[in-house]
Amino acid sequence: MTEPLHPPLFTPPQAAALLDQIIYEQVLEAVDLDALYRLEQSLTMMVGELHGVPFAQATESAQAVLERCLLRLPDDIRRYLRAGPFLAFDRSELGDRCEDRPLPARRPPHRFSS
């Protein structure tokens, strides 16, 4: 005897939107938003301590600097993932399961020029 088929709970576009939101929230959890806020506040204070820089300009400057850095993240993250951060594990964690296999060469980190 076969069980009756149930209609899907979501349409394909709804399922795709839900999956996108779930992954986005997990990525967002990996970002330390509090640290970014503290960095922005610190930059604002440092710029504000420069002689003759009004607070509004210090705030705008700090936000602009941070925004430029954040805009670089997508390419940097893709480069990081392609470089294989998984290669940086401690081999001792695997025990004798990979003693005969050499580790692949890892590219040095990219240095950015301003």
C-alpha atoms as a PDB file:
ATOM      1  CA  MET A   1       0.000   0.000   0.000  1.00  0.00           C
ATOM      2  CA  THR A   2       1.404   3.367  -0.937  1.00  0.00           C
ATOM      3  CA  GLU A   3       1.085   6.465   1.162  1.00  0.00           C
ATOM      4  CA  PRO A   4      -0.599   9.497  -0.374  1.00  0.00           C
ATOM      5  CA  LEU A   5       1.814  12.128  -1.671  1.00  0.00           C
ATOM      6  CA  HIS A   6       1.813  15.420   0.159  1.00  0.00           C
ATOM      7  CA  PRO A   7       2.127  18.609  -1.824  1.00  0.00           C
ATOM      8  CA  PRO A   8       5.404  20.492  -1.325  1.00  0.00           C
ATOM      9  CA  LEU A   9       5.374  22.989   1.521  1.00  0.00           C
ATOM     10  CA  PHE A  10       7.118  25.645  -0.570  1.00  0.00           C
ATOM     11  CA  THR A  11       7.260  26.607  -4.193  1.00  0.00           C
ATOM     12  CA  PRO A  12      10.757  26.409  -5.739  1.00  0.00           C
ATOM     13  CA  PRO A  13      11.227  30.227  -5.500  1.00  0.00           C
ATOM     14  CA  GLN A  14      10.097  30.176  -1.851  1.00  0.00           C
ATOM     15  CA  ALA A  15      12.460  27.290  -1.053  1.00  0.00           C
ATOM     16  CA  ALA A  16      15.341  29.102  -2.766  1.00  0.00           C
ATOM     17  CA  ALA A  17      14.584  32.310  -0.839  1.00  0.00           C
ATOM     18  CA  LEU A  18      14.419  30.379   2.441  1.00  0.00           C
ATOM     19  CA  LEU A  19      17.704  28.602   1.760  1.00  0.00           C
ATOM     20  CA  ASP A  20      19.336  31.911   0.825  1.00  0.00           C
ATOM     21  CA  GLN A  21      18.121  33.497   4.079  1.00  0.00           C
ATOM     22  CA  ILE A  22      19.314  30.558   6.197  1.00  0.00           C
ATOM     23  CA  ILE A  23      22.783  30.632   4.642  1.00  0.00           C
ATOM     24  CA  TYR A  24      22.958  34.429   4.914  1.00  0.00           C
ATOM     25  CA  GLU A  25      22.153  34.245   8.631  1.00  0.00           C
ATOM     26  CA  GLN A  26      24.876  31.639   9.158  1.00  0.00           C
ATOM     27  CA  VAL A  27      27.410  33.783   7.287  1.00  0.00           C
ATOM     28  CA  LEU A  28      26.357  36.802   9.327  1.00  0.00           C
ATOM     29  CA  GLU A  29      26.927  34.817  12.536  1.00  0.00           C
ATOM     30  CA  ALA A  30      30.526  34.292  11.402  1.00  0.00           C
ATOM     31  CA  VAL A  31      31.083  38.070  11.244  1.00  0.00           C
ATOM     32  CA  ASP A  32      31.882  39.830  14.509  1.00  0.00           C
ATOM     33  CA  LEU A  33      29.589  42.830  14.135  1.00  0.00           C
ATOM     34  CA  ASP A  34      30.433  44.086  17.625  1.00  0.00           C
ATOM     35  CA  ALA A  35      34.128  44.179  16.699  1.00  0.00           C
ATOM     36  CA  LEU A  36      33.313  46.095  13.509  1.00  0.00           C
ATOM     37  CA  TYR A  37      31.291  48.601  15.547  1.00  0.00           C
ATOM     38  CA  ARG A  38      34.160  49.029  18.039  1.00  0.00           C
ATOM     39  CA  LEU A  39      36.595  49.497  15.155  1.00  0.00           C
ATOM     40  CA  GLU A  40      34.412  52.187  13.617  1.00  0.00           C
ATOM     41  CA  GLN A  41      34.155  53.968  16.962  1.00  0.00           C
ATOM     42  CA  SER A  42      37.914  53.726  17.467  1.00  0.00           C
ATOM     43  CA  LEU A  43      38.609  55.102  13.983  1.00  0.00           C
ATOM     44  CA  THR A  44      36.166  57.935  14.621  1.00  0.00           C
ATOM     45  CA  MET A  45      37.946  58.836  17.856  1.00  0.00           C
ATOM     46  CA  MET A  46      41.408  58.680  16.253  1.00  0.00           C
ATOM     47  CA  VAL A  47      40.373  60.864  13.305  1.00  0.00           C
ATOM     48  CA  GLY A  48      38.552  63.195  15.697  1.00  0.00           C
ATOM     49  CA  GLU A  49      41.757  63.720  17.664  1.00  0.00           C
ATOM     50  CA  LEU A  50      43.443  65.229  14.605  1.00  0.00           C
ATOM     51  CA  HIS A  51      43.700  68.980  14.943  1.00  0.00           C
ATOM     52  CA  GLY A  52      40.798  70.834  13.397  1.00  0.00           C
ATOM     53  CA  VAL A  53      38.721  67.812  12.341  1.00  0.00           C
ATOM     54  CA  PRO A  54      35.073  68.280  13.363  1.00  0.00           C
ATOM     55  CA  PHE A  55      33.219  65.287  14.821  1.00  0.00           C
ATOM     56  CA  ALA A  56      30.885  64.935  11.809  1.00  0.00           C
ATOM     57  CA  GLN A  57      33.863  64.757   9.435  1.00  0.00           C
ATOM     58  CA  ALA A  58      35.620  62.262  11.708  1.00  0.00           C
ATOM     59  CA  THR A  59      32.527  60.063  11.691  1.00  0.00           C
ATOM     60  CA  GLU A  60      32.147  60.245   7.918  1.00  0.00           C
ATOM     61  CA  SER A  61      35.850  59.539   7.383  1.00  0.00           C
ATOM     62  CA  ALA A  62      35.835  56.506   9.691  1.00  0.00           C
ATOM     63  CA  GLN A  63      32.728  55.129   7.989  1.00  0.00           C
ATOM     64  CA  ALA A  64      34.274  55.658   4.543  1.00  0.00           C
ATOM     65  CA  VAL A  65      37.514  53.889   5.523  1.00  0.00           C
ATOM     66  CA  LEU A  66      35.631  50.958   7.002  1.00  0.00           C
ATOM     67  CA  GLU A  67      33.274  50.771   4.022  1.00  0.00           C
ATOM     68  CA  ARG A  68      36.237  50.587   1.601  1.00  0.00           C
ATOM     69  CA  CYS A  69      37.637  47.683   3.606  1.00  0.00           C
ATOM     70  CA  LEU A  70      34.282  45.895   3.749  1.00  0.00           C
ATOM     71  CA  LEU A  71      33.851  46.234   0.001  1.00  0.00           C
ATOM     72  CA  ARG A  72      37.079  44.247  -0.464  1.00  0.00           C
ATOM     73  CA  LEU A  73      35.766  41.331   1.580  1.00  0.00           C
ATOM     74  CA  PRO A  74      33.876  39.406  -1.115  1.00  0.00           C
ATOM     75  CA  ASP A  75      36.978  38.975  -3.284  1.00  0.00           C
ATOM     76  CA  ASP A  76      39.181  38.284  -0.279  1.00  0.00           C
ATOM     77  CA  ILE A  77      36.793  35.646   1.037  1.00  0.00           C
ATOM     78  CA  ARG A  78      36.650  33.920  -2.351  1.00  0.00           C
ATOM     79  CA  ARG A  79      40.450  33.962  -2.544  1.00  0.00           C
ATOM     80  CA  TYR A  80      40.691  32.585   1.003  1.00  0.00           C
ATOM     81  CA  LEU A  81      38.281  29.771   0.211  1.00  0.00           C
ATOM     82  CA  ARG A  82      40.154  28.908  -3.019  1.00  0.00           C
ATOM     83  CA  ALA A  83      43.446  28.789  -1.098  1.00  0.00           C
ATOM     84  CA  GLY A  84      41.965  26.065   1.071  1.00  0.00           C
ATOM     85  CA  PRO A  85      41.946  27.118   4.708  1.00  0.00           C
ATOM     86  CA  PHE A  86      41.190  23.466   5.406  1.00  0.00           C
ATOM     87  CA  LEU A  87      44.866  22.785   4.622  1.00  0.00           C
ATOM     88  CA  ALA A  88      45.905  24.606   7.772  1.00  0.00           C
ATOM     89  CA  PHE A  89      44.674  21.833  10.075  1.00  0.00           C
ATOM     90  CA  ASP A  90      46.904  20.123  12.621  1.00  0.00           C
ATOM     91  CA  ARG A  91      47.911  16.794  11.118  1.00  0.00           C
ATOM     92  CA  SER A  92      48.145  15.246  14.553  1.00  0.00           C
ATOM     93  CA  GLU A  93      44.348  15.523  14.794  1.00  0.00           C
ATOM     94  CA  LEU A  94      44.058  12.823  12.110  1.00  0.00           C
ATOM     95  CA  GLY A  95      46.333  10.336  13.808  1.00  0.00           C
ATOM     96  CA  ASP A  96      47.855   7.743  11.499  1.00  0.00           C
ATOM     97  CA  ARG A  97      45.134   8.011   8.818  1.00  0.00           C
ATOM     98  CA  CYS A  98      47.215  10.226   6.515  1.00  0.00           C
ATOM     99  CA  GLU A  99      50.836   9.601   7.439  1.00  0.00           C
ATOM    100  CA  ASP A 100      51.690   8.341   3.952  1.00  0.00           C
ATOM    101  CA  ARG A 101      50.083  11.278   2.167  1.00  0.00           C
ATOM    102  CA  PRO A 102      52.014  14.534   1.814  1.00  0.00           C
ATOM    103  CA  LEU A 103      50.168  17.785   2.360  1.00  0.00           C
ATOM    104  CA  PRO A 104      49.592  19.873  -0.769  1.00  0.00           C
ATOM    105  CA  ALA A 105      51.595  23.078  -1.012  1.00  0.00           C
ATOM    106  CA  ARG A 106      49.750  26.112   0.323  1.00  0.00           C
ATOM    107  CA  ARG A 107      50.014  29.464  -1.398  1.00  0.00           C
ATOM    108  CA  PRO A 108      51.277  32.332   0.750  1.00  0.00           C
ATOM    109  CA  PRO A 109      48.610  34.860   1.790  1.00  0.00           C
ATOM    110  CA  HIS A 110      47.991  37.694  -0.641  1.00  0.00           C
ATOM    111  CA  ARG A 111      49.319  41.073   0.455  1.00  0.00           C
ATOM    112  CA  PHE A 112      47.245  44.015  -0.588  1.00  0.00           C
ATOM    113  CA  SER A 113      48.682  47.256  -1.794  1.00  0.00           C
ATOM    114  CA  SER A 114      46.926  50.500  -1.101  1.00  0.00           C
END
